[in-house]
Amino acid sequence: MCSKNNYEYYKSHKICVRCGQEDAERNHTLCLQCMMKSREESLKYNRAHKKERQAKNRIRAKKRYYQLKEQGICTSCGKRVSRNNKVLCNQCSARINYRKRQEYLLKVYATKNMCEIRV
């Protein structure tokens, strides 16, 4: 891919824009070999920079959490107003409680006898 003109020419003639040798795959701008190379390169890059991305995401999530909490908005969905000096709205709170209850019941049913369970 040397210039924008070459890119547009290859793209319009359905030739791979990376190598310029093979026909591009249907609905794509790259041939199969170049797509596989690109995927391997991106996976290698993502594995090498995983810790950095995790640290950045952690910082961004904390910042978002505290901004939403300060504004009185639900920290889970970021849409509705939180209620009763809590950090979650009623809908998110109910959804999370339901999910935790289901996980608890699965754990109880897996570890105890049916006659010992009180729901």
Protein backbone atom coordinates (compact mmCIF):
# COMPACT_ATOMS: atom_id res chain seq x y z
CA MET A 1 0.00 0.00 0.00
CA CYS A 2 2.10 2.89 -1.29
CA SER A 3 -0.31 5.77 -1.67
CA LYS A 4 -3.94 6.68 -1.43
CA ASN A 5 -4.27 6.54 -5.23
CA ASN A 6 -2.95 2.97 -5.32
CA TYR A 7 -5.23 2.03 -2.44
CA GLU A 8 -8.31 3.39 -4.20
CA TYR A 9 -7.29 1.75 -7.49
CA TYR A 10 -6.76 -1.67 -5.86
CA LYS A 11 -9.95 -1.34 -3.88
CA SER A 12 -12.06 -0.42 -6.91
CA HIS A 13 -10.60 -3.32 -8.93
CA LYS A 14 -11.01 -5.80 -6.03
CA ILE A 15 -7.27 -6.42 -5.64
CA CYS A 16 -5.65 -6.89 -2.25
CA VAL A 17 -4.58 -3.44 -1.01
CA ARG A 18 -1.75 -4.84 1.11
CA CYS A 19 0.19 -7.03 -1.31
CA GLY A 20 -1.35 -5.89 -4.60
CA GLN A 21 -0.92 -9.40 -6.04
CA GLU A 22 -3.97 -11.48 -5.17
CA ASP A 23 -7.68 -10.90 -5.59
CA ALA A 24 -9.32 -9.53 -2.47
CA GLU A 25 -11.82 -11.66 -0.60
CA ARG A 26 -15.48 -10.90 -1.15
CA ASN A 27 -16.63 -7.81 0.84
CA HIS A 28 -13.03 -7.22 2.02
CA THR A 29 -10.01 -5.26 0.81
CA LEU A 30 -7.42 -7.95 1.65
CA CYS A 31 -6.66 -11.39 0.27
CA LEU A 32 -6.91 -14.43 2.55
CA GLN A 33 -3.14 -14.64 3.18
CA CYS A 34 -2.88 -10.95 4.09
CA MET A 35 -5.95 -11.23 6.35
CA MET A 36 -4.32 -14.15 8.18
CA LYS A 37 -1.02 -12.25 8.52
CA SER A 38 -2.83 -9.17 9.78
CA ARG A 39 -4.74 -11.23 12.34
CA GLU A 40 -1.55 -12.90 13.61
CA GLU A 41 0.21 -9.54 13.89
CA SER A 42 -2.67 -7.97 15.80
CA LEU A 43 -2.91 -10.96 18.17
CA LYS A 44 0.83 -10.80 18.80
CA TYR A 45 0.64 -7.05 19.47
CA ASN A 46 -2.36 -7.45 21.79
CA ARG A 47 -0.60 -10.18 23.79
CA ALA A 48 2.53 -8.02 24.12
CA HIS A 49 0.59 -4.96 25.31
CA LYS A 50 -2.05 -6.69 27.45
CA LYS A 51 -0.87 -5.28 30.80
CA GLU A 52 -0.78 -1.73 29.47
CA ARG A 53 -4.33 -1.96 28.12
CA GLN A 54 -5.58 -3.46 31.38
CA ALA A 55 -3.99 -0.65 33.38
CA LYS A 56 -5.48 2.03 31.10
CA ASN A 57 -8.91 0.39 31.22
CA ARG A 58 -8.76 0.14 35.00
CA ILE A 59 -7.93 3.85 35.31
CA ARG A 60 -10.68 4.80 32.85
CA ALA A 61 -13.26 2.64 34.65
CA LYS A 62 -12.40 4.15 38.05
CA LYS A 63 -12.62 7.65 36.63
CA ARG A 64 -16.01 6.89 35.05
CA TYR A 65 -17.27 5.29 38.29
CA TYR A 66 -16.39 8.29 40.44
CA GLN A 67 -17.77 10.79 37.92
CA LEU A 68 -21.09 8.96 37.77
CA LYS A 69 -21.20 8.56 41.53
CA GLU A 70 -20.55 12.28 42.00
CA GLN A 71 -23.36 13.16 39.60
CA GLY A 72 -25.80 10.78 41.32
CA ILE A 73 -26.18 8.54 38.27
CA CYS A 74 -26.21 4.73 38.34
CA THR A 75 -22.62 3.47 38.10
CA SER A 76 -23.67 0.26 36.34
CA CYS A 77 -25.74 1.51 33.41
CA GLY A 78 -24.85 5.22 33.49
CA LYS A 79 -28.39 6.16 32.41
CA ARG A 80 -30.77 6.43 35.34
CA VAL A 81 -30.61 8.33 38.60
CA SER A 82 -29.43 6.30 41.59
CA ARG A 83 -31.84 6.06 44.50
CA ASN A 84 -31.62 6.33 48.31
CA ASN A 85 -27.96 7.42 48.50
CA LYS A 86 -26.87 4.28 46.66
CA VAL A 87 -24.69 3.91 43.59
CA LEU A 88 -27.17 1.79 41.57
CA CYS A 89 -30.61 2.54 40.18
CA ASN A 90 -33.56 0.31 41.08
CA GLN A 91 -33.44 -1.67 37.82
CA CYS A 92 -29.71 -2.47 38.00
CA SER A 93 -29.96 -3.27 41.67
CA ALA A 94 -32.84 -5.70 41.05
CA ARG A 95 -30.98 -7.30 38.12
CA ILE A 96 -27.79 -7.81 40.14
CA ASN A 97 -29.70 -9.14 43.16
CA TYR A 98 -31.56 -11.61 40.93
CA ARG A 99 -28.32 -12.83 39.35
CA LYS A 100 -26.62 -13.25 42.73
CA ARG A 101 -29.66 -15.09 44.08
CA GLN A 102 -29.61 -17.52 41.13
CA GLU A 103 -25.87 -18.17 41.62
CA TYR A 104 -26.46 -18.76 45.33
CA LEU A 105 -29.28 -21.20 44.65
CA LEU A 106 -27.17 -23.12 42.13
CA LYS A 107 -24.39 -23.40 44.68
CA VAL A 108 -26.79 -24.50 47.44
CA TYR A 109 -28.49 -27.10 45.24
CA ALA A 110 -25.11 -28.47 44.17
CA THR A 111 -23.75 -28.87 47.72
CA LYS A 112 -26.70 -29.86 49.91
CA ASN A 113 -29.43 -32.46 50.10
CA MET A 114 -32.89 -31.45 48.91
CA CYS A 115 -34.38 -32.00 52.39
CA GLU A 116 -31.84 -29.61 54.00
CA ILE A 117 -32.59 -26.66 51.72
CA ARG A 118 -34.74 -23.79 52.99
CA VAL A 119 -35.59 -21.20 50.39
